[in-house]
C-alpha atoms as a PDB file:
ATOM      1  CA  MET A   1      -1.390  -2.318 -24.380  1.00  0.00           C
ATOM      2  CA  ALA A   2      -4.241  -2.767 -21.882  1.00  0.00           C
ATOM      3  CA  ASP A   3      -6.182   0.233 -20.571  1.00  0.00           C
ATOM      4  CA  LEU A   4      -5.318   2.031 -17.444  1.00  0.00           C
ATOM      5  CA  THR A   5      -8.845   1.103 -16.183  1.00  0.00           C
ATOM      6  CA  ASP A   6      -8.148  -2.727 -16.686  1.00  0.00           C
ATOM      7  CA  ILE A   7      -4.681  -2.502 -15.380  1.00  0.00           C
ATOM      8  CA  LEU A   8      -6.017  -1.124 -11.938  1.00  0.00           C
ATOM      9  CA  ALA A   9      -8.782  -3.569 -11.829  1.00  0.00           C
ATOM     10  CA  LEU A  10      -6.075  -6.341 -12.287  1.00  0.00           C
ATOM     11  CA  LEU A  11      -3.933  -4.725  -9.461  1.00  0.00           C
ATOM     12  CA  ARG A  12      -6.944  -4.574  -6.978  1.00  0.00           C
ATOM     13  CA  SER A  13      -7.460  -8.196  -7.772  1.00  0.00           C
ATOM     14  CA  VAL A  14      -3.671  -9.382  -6.750  1.00  0.00           C
ATOM     15  CA  ASP A  15      -1.739  -9.085  -3.553  1.00  0.00           C
ATOM     16  CA  THR A  16       1.285  -7.130  -2.846  1.00  0.00           C
ATOM     17  CA  PRO A  17       4.102  -9.565  -3.358  1.00  0.00           C
ATOM     18  CA  THR A  18       2.575 -10.646  -6.688  1.00  0.00           C
ATOM     19  CA  VAL A  19       3.229  -6.833  -7.646  1.00  0.00           C
ATOM     20  CA  CYS A  20       6.685  -7.184  -6.430  1.00  0.00           C
ATOM     21  CA  ASN A  21       7.546 -10.099  -8.254  1.00  0.00           C
ATOM     22  CA  ALA A  22       5.921  -8.934 -11.367  1.00  0.00           C
ATOM     23  CA  ILE A  23       8.209  -5.710 -11.147  1.00  0.00           C
ATOM     24  CA  GLU A  24      11.183  -8.093 -11.099  1.00  0.00           C
ATOM     25  CA  VAL A  25       9.963  -9.965 -14.051  1.00  0.00           C
ATOM     26  CA  ILE A  26       9.784  -6.479 -15.695  1.00  0.00           C
ATOM     27  CA  ASP A  27      13.282  -5.435 -14.674  1.00  0.00           C
ATOM     28  CA  GLY A  28      14.590  -9.054 -15.585  1.00  0.00           C
ATOM     29  CA  LYS A  29      16.459  -9.614 -12.151  1.00  0.00           C
ATOM     30  CA  ARG A  30      16.160  -9.320  -8.586  1.00  0.00           C
ATOM     31  CA  GLY A  31      16.929  -6.145  -6.604  1.00  0.00           C
ATOM     32  CA  PHE A  32      13.466  -4.051  -6.669  1.00  0.00           C
ATOM     33  CA  ASP A  33      13.527  -2.495  -3.220  1.00  0.00           C
ATOM     34  CA  ALA A  34      10.844   0.110  -3.271  1.00  0.00           C
ATOM     35  CA  PHE A  35       8.926  -1.572  -0.665  1.00  0.00           C
ATOM     36  CA  THR A  36       8.167  -1.441   3.047  1.00  0.00           C
ATOM     37  CA  ARG A  37       9.912  -3.148   5.941  1.00  0.00           C
ATOM     38  CA  GLY A  38       8.641  -4.609   9.021  1.00  0.00           C
ATOM     39  CA  THR A  39       5.332  -6.271   9.980  1.00  0.00           C
ATOM     40  CA  PRO A  40       2.384  -3.630   9.519  1.00  0.00           C
ATOM     41  CA  LEU A  41      -1.178  -4.191  10.842  1.00  0.00           C
ATOM     42  CA  SER A  42      -4.046  -4.465   8.584  1.00  0.00           C
ATOM     43  CA  SER A  43      -7.740  -3.645   9.424  1.00  0.00           C
ATOM     44  CA  ASP A  44      -8.860  -5.830   6.230  1.00  0.00           C
ATOM     45  CA  LEU A  45      -6.870  -8.954   5.652  1.00  0.00           C
ATOM     46  CA  LYS A  46      -8.227  -8.865   2.197  1.00  0.00           C
ATOM     47  CA  GLY A  47      -8.342  -5.221   1.613  1.00  0.00           C
ATOM     48  CA  VAL A  48      -6.219  -3.942  -1.405  1.00  0.00           C
ATOM     49  CA  MET A  49      -5.465  -0.469  -1.845  1.00  0.00           C
ATOM     50  CA  VAL A  50      -4.027   0.975  -5.340  1.00  0.00           C
ATOM     51  CA  GLY A  51      -3.913   4.554  -6.475  1.00  0.00           C
ATOM     52  CA  ARG A  52      -1.728   7.748  -6.439  1.00  0.00           C
ATOM     53  CA  ALA A  53      -0.182   9.016  -3.319  1.00  0.00           C
ATOM     54  CA  ARG A  54      -1.420  11.888  -1.309  1.00  0.00           C
ATOM     55  CA  THR A  55       0.711  12.496   1.542  1.00  0.00           C
ATOM     56  CA  ALA A  56       1.246  14.057   5.046  1.00  0.00           C
ATOM     57  CA  ARG A  57       3.214  14.123   8.190  1.00  0.00           C
ATOM     58  CA  ILE A  58       1.081  14.091  11.465  1.00  0.00           C
ATOM     59  CA  SER A  59       2.240  14.248  15.378  1.00  0.00           C
ATOM     60  CA  ALA A  60       0.131  13.486  18.240  1.00  0.00           C
ATOM     61  CA  ALA A  61       2.448  13.099  21.187  1.00  0.00           C
ATOM     62  CA  ALA A  62       2.304  16.641  22.548  1.00  0.00           C
ATOM     63  CA  PRO A  63      -0.090  19.650  21.639  1.00  0.00           C
ATOM     64  CA  PRO A  64       1.100  21.542  18.626  1.00  0.00           C
ATOM     65  CA  PHE A  65       2.978  24.675  19.427  1.00  0.00           C
ATOM     66  CA  GLU A  66       1.452  26.818  16.573  1.00  0.00           C
ATOM     67  CA  PRO A  67      -1.487  29.323  16.700  1.00  0.00           C
ATOM     68  CA  ALA A  68      -4.804  27.168  16.697  1.00  0.00           C
ATOM     69  CA  ALA A  69      -5.638  29.105  13.204  1.00  0.00           C
ATOM     70  CA  THR A  70      -2.334  28.116  11.806  1.00  0.00           C
ATOM     71  CA  ILE A  71      -3.331  24.444  12.820  1.00  0.00           C
ATOM     72  CA  ARG A  72      -6.817  24.705  11.246  1.00  0.00           C
ATOM     73  CA  ALA A  73      -5.637  26.101   7.850  1.00  0.00           C
ATOM     74  CA  ARG A  74      -3.154  23.461   7.420  1.00  0.00           C
ATOM     75  CA  ARG A  75      -6.040  20.600   8.436  1.00  0.00           C
ATOM     76  CA  MET A  76      -8.073  22.426   5.636  1.00  0.00           C
ATOM     77  CA  ASP A  77      -5.033  22.211   3.567  1.00  0.00           C
ATOM     78  CA  TYR A  78      -4.809  18.449   4.119  1.00  0.00           C
ATOM     79  CA  TYR A  79      -8.217  17.556   3.451  1.00  0.00           C
ATOM     80  CA  ARG A  80      -8.257  19.685   0.026  1.00  0.00           C
ATOM     81  CA  HIS A  81      -4.862  17.645  -0.817  1.00  0.00           C
ATOM     82  CA  MET A  82      -6.715  14.416  -0.035  1.00  0.00           C
ATOM     83  CA  ALA A  83      -9.745  15.315  -2.189  1.00  0.00           C
ATOM     84  CA  ASP A  84      -7.560  16.660  -5.094  1.00  0.00           C
ATOM     85  CA  GLY A  85      -7.069  14.550  -8.262  1.00  0.00           C
ATOM     86  CA  ALA A  86      -9.246  12.289 -10.304  1.00  0.00           C
ATOM     87  CA  GLY A  87      -8.873   8.420 -10.243  1.00  0.00           C
ATOM     88  CA  PRO A  88      -7.759   6.210  -7.433  1.00  0.00           C
ATOM     89  CA  ARG A  89      -5.793   7.683  -4.583  1.00  0.00           C
ATOM     90  CA  VAL A  90      -4.181   6.266  -1.552  1.00  0.00           C
ATOM     91  CA  ALA A  91      -3.540   8.387   1.641  1.00  0.00           C
ATOM     92  CA  VAL A  92      -0.138   7.847   2.556  1.00  0.00           C
ATOM     93  CA  VAL A  93       0.549   9.474   6.315  1.00  0.00           C
ATOM     94  CA  GLU A  94       3.818   9.434   8.315  1.00  0.00           C
ATOM     95  CA  ASP A  95       3.449   9.645  12.076  1.00  0.00           C
ATOM     96  CA  ILE A  96       6.843  11.673  12.940  1.00  0.00           C
ATOM     97  CA  ASP A  97       6.430  10.849  16.753  1.00  0.00           C
ATOM     98  CA  PRO A  98       9.385   8.480  17.912  1.00  0.00           C
ATOM     99  CA  HIS A  99       6.728   6.162  19.550  1.00  0.00           C
ATOM    100  CA  PRO A 100       3.225   7.156  17.645  1.00  0.00           C
ATOM    101  CA  VAL A 101       0.433   7.209  20.317  1.00  0.00           C
ATOM    102  CA  GLY A 102      -2.504   8.960  18.654  1.00  0.00           C
ATOM    103  CA  ALA A 103      -5.075   7.359  16.446  1.00  0.00           C
ATOM    104  CA  TYR A 104      -5.666   9.530  13.293  1.00  0.00           C
ATOM    105  CA  TRP A 105      -7.451   6.749  11.631  1.00  0.00           C
ATOM    106  CA  GLY A 106     -10.898   5.681  13.043  1.00  0.00           C
ATOM    107  CA  GLU A 107     -14.686   5.524  12.008  1.00  0.00           C
ATOM    108  CA  LEU A 108     -14.611   9.329  10.883  1.00  0.00           C
ATOM    109  CA  ASN A 109     -11.386   9.805   8.786  1.00  0.00           C
ATOM    110  CA  THR A 110     -11.785   6.705   7.003  1.00  0.00           C
ATOM    111  CA  THR A 111     -15.384   7.607   6.093  1.00  0.00           C
ATOM    112  CA  VAL A 112     -14.148  11.125   5.059  1.00  0.00           C
ATOM    113  CA  HIS A 113     -11.486   9.835   2.968  1.00  0.00           C
ATOM    114  CA  LYS A 114     -13.626   7.113   1.160  1.00  0.00           C
ATOM    115  CA  GLY A 115     -16.220   9.991   0.534  1.00  0.00           C
ATOM    116  CA  PHE A 116     -13.248  11.465  -1.280  1.00  0.00           C
ATOM    117  CA  GLY A 117     -12.527   8.661  -3.168  1.00  0.00           C
ATOM    118  CA  LEU A 118      -9.576   7.147  -1.807  1.00  0.00           C
ATOM    119  CA  SER A 119      -9.055   3.475  -1.758  1.00  0.00           C
ATOM    120  CA  GLY A 120      -7.355   3.261   1.614  1.00  0.00           C
ATOM    121  CA  ALA A 121      -4.692   4.589   3.969  1.00  0.00           C
ATOM    122  CA  LEU A 122      -0.938   3.490   4.696  1.00  0.00           C
ATOM    123  CA  THR A 123       0.556   4.723   7.755  1.00  0.00           C
ATOM    124  CA  ASN A 124       3.385   3.933  10.171  1.00  0.00           C
ATOM    125  CA  GLY A 125       1.190   5.662  12.910  1.00  0.00           C
ATOM    126  CA  VAL A 126      -1.990   4.498  14.956  1.00  0.00           C
ATOM    127  CA  MET A 127      -5.583   3.256  13.981  1.00  0.00           C
ATOM    128  CA  ARG A 128      -8.632   2.452  16.127  1.00  0.00           C
ATOM    129  CA  ASP A 129     -12.498   1.861  15.855  1.00  0.00           C
ATOM    130  CA  LEU A 130     -11.538  -1.287  14.075  1.00  0.00           C
ATOM    131  CA  CYS A 131     -15.380  -2.774  14.065  1.00  0.00           C
ATOM    132  CA  ASP A 132     -16.484   0.958  12.690  1.00  0.00           C
ATOM    133  CA  LEU A 133     -13.995   1.780   9.958  1.00  0.00           C
ATOM    134  CA  ALA A 134     -15.462   2.600   6.680  1.00  0.00           C
ATOM    135  CA  PRO A 135     -16.221  -0.607   4.688  1.00  0.00           C
ATOM    136  CA  GLY A 136     -13.886  -1.306   1.774  1.00  0.00           C
ATOM    137  CA  PHE A 137     -11.427   1.271   3.117  1.00  0.00           C
ATOM    138  CA  PRO A 138      -8.589  -0.721   4.299  1.00  0.00           C
ATOM    139  CA  VAL A 139      -5.810   0.916   6.771  1.00  0.00           C
ATOM    140  CA  VAL A 140      -2.390  -0.529   6.746  1.00  0.00           C
ATOM    141  CA  ALA A 141      -1.085   0.885   9.955  1.00  0.00           C
ATOM    142  CA  GLY A 142       1.846   0.487  12.622  1.00  0.00           C
ATOM    143  CA  HIS A 143      -0.048   0.535  15.838  1.00  0.00           C
ATOM    144  CA  ILE A 144      -3.516   0.101  17.333  1.00  0.00           C
ATOM    145  CA  GLY A 145      -4.868   2.712  20.312  1.00  0.00           C
ATOM    146  CA  PRO A 146      -7.723   4.068  21.811  1.00  0.00           C
ATOM    147  CA  SER A 147      -6.816   7.800  21.718  1.00  0.00           C
ATOM    148  CA  HIS A 148      -6.376  10.527  19.193  1.00  0.00           C
ATOM    149  CA  ALA A 149      -3.956  11.954  21.852  1.00  0.00           C
ATOM    150  CA  PHE A 150      -2.992  15.503  20.275  1.00  0.00           C
ATOM    151  CA  VAL A 151      -3.069  14.321  16.864  1.00  0.00           C
ATOM    152  CA  HIS A 152      -2.653  17.287  14.216  1.00  0.00           C
ATOM    153  CA  VAL A 153      -1.180  17.812  10.751  1.00  0.00           C
ATOM    154  CA  VAL A 154       2.202  18.893  10.528  1.00  0.00           C
ATOM    155  CA  GLU A 155       2.970  19.000   6.662  1.00  0.00           C
ATOM    156  CA  VAL A 156       0.926  18.351   3.544  1.00  0.00           C
ATOM    157  CA  ALA A 157       2.043  17.076   0.187  1.00  0.00           C
ATOM    158  CA  GLY A 158       5.803  16.458   0.730  1.00  0.00           C
ATOM    159  CA  PRO A 159       7.574  13.278   0.635  1.00  0.00           C
ATOM    160  CA  VAL A 160       7.121  10.687   3.506  1.00  0.00           C
ATOM    161  CA  THR A 161       8.708   7.744   4.579  1.00  0.00           C
ATOM    162  CA  VAL A 162       6.423   4.791   5.978  1.00  0.00           C
ATOM    163  CA  PHE A 163       8.149   1.598   7.225  1.00  0.00           C
ATOM    164  CA  GLY A 164      11.134   2.495   5.234  1.00  0.00           C
ATOM    165  CA  LEU A 165       9.398   3.347   2.169  1.00  0.00           C
ATOM    166  CA  THR A 166       9.841   6.795   0.797  1.00  0.00           C
ATOM    167  CA  VAL A 167       6.609   7.896  -1.080  1.00  0.00           C
ATOM    168  CA  ARG A 168       6.265  11.112  -2.911  1.00  0.00           C
ATOM    169  CA  PRO A 169       2.804  12.743  -4.000  1.00  0.00           C
ATOM    170  CA  ASP A 170       1.358  10.964  -7.016  1.00  0.00           C
ATOM    171  CA  ASP A 171       3.654   7.838  -6.684  1.00  0.00           C
ATOM    172  CA  TRP A 172       1.694   4.805  -7.595  1.00  0.00           C
ATOM    173  CA  VAL A 173       1.293   2.792  -4.521  1.00  0.00           C
ATOM    174  CA  HIS A 174       0.022  -0.801  -3.842  1.00  0.00           C
ATOM    175  CA  ALA A 175      -0.730  -2.043  -0.280  1.00  0.00           C
ATOM    176  CA  ASP A 176      -2.272  -4.854   1.494  1.00  0.00           C
ATOM    177  CA  ARG A 177      -1.767  -6.889   4.640  1.00  0.00           C
ATOM    178  CA  HIS A 178       2.085  -7.306   3.531  1.00  0.00           C
ATOM    179  CA  GLY A 179       2.874  -3.942   3.378  1.00  0.00           C
ATOM    180  CA  ALA A 180       3.325  -1.689   0.181  1.00  0.00           C
ATOM    181  CA  LEU A 181       5.437  -0.586  -2.382  1.00  0.00           C
ATOM    182  CA  VAL A 182       5.950   1.950  -5.036  1.00  0.00           C
ATOM    183  CA  ILE A 183       5.102   1.092  -8.624  1.00  0.00           C
ATOM    184  CA  PRO A 184       7.594   2.874 -11.180  1.00  0.00           C
ATOM    185  CA  GLU A 185       5.004   4.348 -13.736  1.00  0.00           C
ATOM    186  CA  THR A 186       7.010   3.369 -16.621  1.00  0.00           C
ATOM    187  CA  HIS A 187       6.249  -0.309 -15.279  1.00  0.00           C
ATOM    188  CA  LEU A 188       2.382   0.334 -15.272  1.00  0.00           C
ATOM    189  CA  ALA A 189       1.821  -0.479 -18.904  1.00  0.00           C
ATOM    190  CA  GLU A 190       3.832  -4.033 -18.596  1.00  0.00           C
ATOM    191  CA  LEU A 191       2.372  -5.244 -15.395  1.00  0.00           C
ATOM    192  CA  PRO A 192      -0.344  -7.602 -16.715  1.00  0.00           C
ATOM    193  CA  ALA A 193       1.901  -9.324 -18.963  1.00  0.00           C
ATOM    194  CA  ALA A 194       4.431  -9.716 -16.352  1.00  0.00           C
ATOM    195  CA  ILE A 195       1.704 -10.792 -13.815  1.00  0.00           C
ATOM    196  CA  ALA A 196       0.395 -13.506 -16.129  1.00  0.00           C
ATOM    197  CA  LYS A 197       3.859 -14.869 -16.873  1.00  0.00           C
ATOM    198  CA  MET A 198       4.768 -15.095 -13.298  1.00  0.00           C
ATOM    199  CA  GLN A 199       1.578 -16.726 -12.488  1.00  0.00           C
ATOM    200  CA  ARG A 200       1.947 -19.379 -15.673  1.00  0.00           C
ATOM    201  CA  THR A 201       5.830 -20.106 -14.355  1.00  0.00           C
ATOM    202  CA  GLU A 202       5.033 -20.493 -10.906  1.00  0.00           C
ATOM    203  CA  ALA A 203       1.929 -23.025 -11.734  1.00  0.00           C
ATOM    204  CA  ILE A 204       4.537 -25.342 -13.338  1.00  0.00           C
ATOM    205  CA  VAL A 205       6.052 -26.230  -9.892  1.00  0.00           C
ATOM    206  CA  MET A 206       2.837 -25.819  -7.881  1.00  0.00           C
ATOM    207  CA  GLU A 207       0.951 -28.271  -9.981  1.00  0.00           C
ATOM    208  CA  ALA A 208       3.486 -30.810  -9.887  1.00  0.00           C
ATOM    209  CA  ALA A 209       3.565 -30.364  -6.172  1.00  0.00           C
ATOM    210  CA  ARG A 210      -0.074 -30.940  -5.877  1.00  0.00           C
ATOM    211  CA  ALA A 211      -0.063 -33.971  -8.167  1.00  0.00           C
ATOM    212  CA  PRO A 212      -0.137 -37.418  -6.901  1.00  0.00           C
ATOM    213  CA  GLY A 213       3.082 -39.027  -6.532  1.00  0.00           C
ATOM    214  CA  PHE A 214       5.248 -35.933  -6.157  1.00  0.00           C
ATOM    215  CA  ASP A 215       8.690 -36.804  -5.206  1.00  0.00           C
ATOM    216  CA  PHE A 216      11.970 -35.375  -5.773  1.00  0.00           C
ATOM    217  CA  GLN A 217      12.441 -36.303  -9.227  1.00  0.00           C
ATOM    218  CA  SER A 218       9.286 -34.830 -10.526  1.00  0.00           C
ATOM    219  CA  PHE A 219      10.177 -31.464  -8.542  1.00  0.00           C
ATOM    220  CA  GLU A 220      13.497 -31.197 -10.325  1.00  0.00           C
ATOM    221  CA  ALA A 221      11.656 -31.656 -13.422  1.00  0.00           C
ATOM    222  CA  SER A 222       9.418 -29.163 -12.872  1.00  0.00           C
ATOM    223  CA  TRP A 223      11.999 -26.829 -11.324  1.00  0.00           C
ATOM    224  CA  THR A 224      13.967 -27.263 -14.342  1.00  0.00           C
ATOM    225  CA  ALA A 225      11.115 -26.263 -16.578  1.00  0.00           C
ATOM    226  CA  PHE A 226      10.133 -23.377 -14.076  1.00  0.00           C
ATOM    227  CA  GLU A 227      13.703 -21.804 -14.606  1.00  0.00           C
ATOM    228  CA  ASN A 228      13.568 -22.391 -18.255  1.00  0.00           C
ATOM    229  CA  ALA A 229      10.130 -20.478 -18.628  1.00  0.00           C
ATOM    230  CA  ARG A 230      10.914 -17.502 -16.400  1.00  0.00           C
ATOM    231  CA  THR A 231      14.050 -16.462 -18.200  1.00  0.00           C
END
């Protein structure tokens, strides 16, 4: 069985669709549905984030109604939660506004979260400072905007829903420009073998398609071999 360090290194080297397919290889069927819906925006087209979720909810459309001291204390609870824990982590932050307007993710927050050791942020909310975000800290977001508006933290370390995907604290998250998914922890150890098998079987068809003289007959033969190999 692969070491967790090796598994995480592999997961950082592949895209999210690959992990989705590999989970179905492990399950032996289609039907895995713990993934995002819709089309997110990505600050880094090559950026991949993998880690255990650190979760929160924010709001920015209106000023907070709670006392300033309560807001400040919750903000520190938020950063404490983000900084807590060993190993790779991903910030998953749900913006609860019906139409998110306030950018929580910019130069300052990406720099702080990267400093805490997080590998990226997933949010249905807003990002800004696109040319100044912390290098190597991808943000997958729902919107781009210029202002932080009245952004404030309203809840820390509870279940959140982003792009239709429910994420709980410590869930394993994989995300990139395509969206995100939650990896069942029971599947982690099997992912390297599943990814390798998927890549081998897909290569049967792709190598045939790239070869000179590819036609329907060679496609049919390669597809038959592909289906036999993946079962």
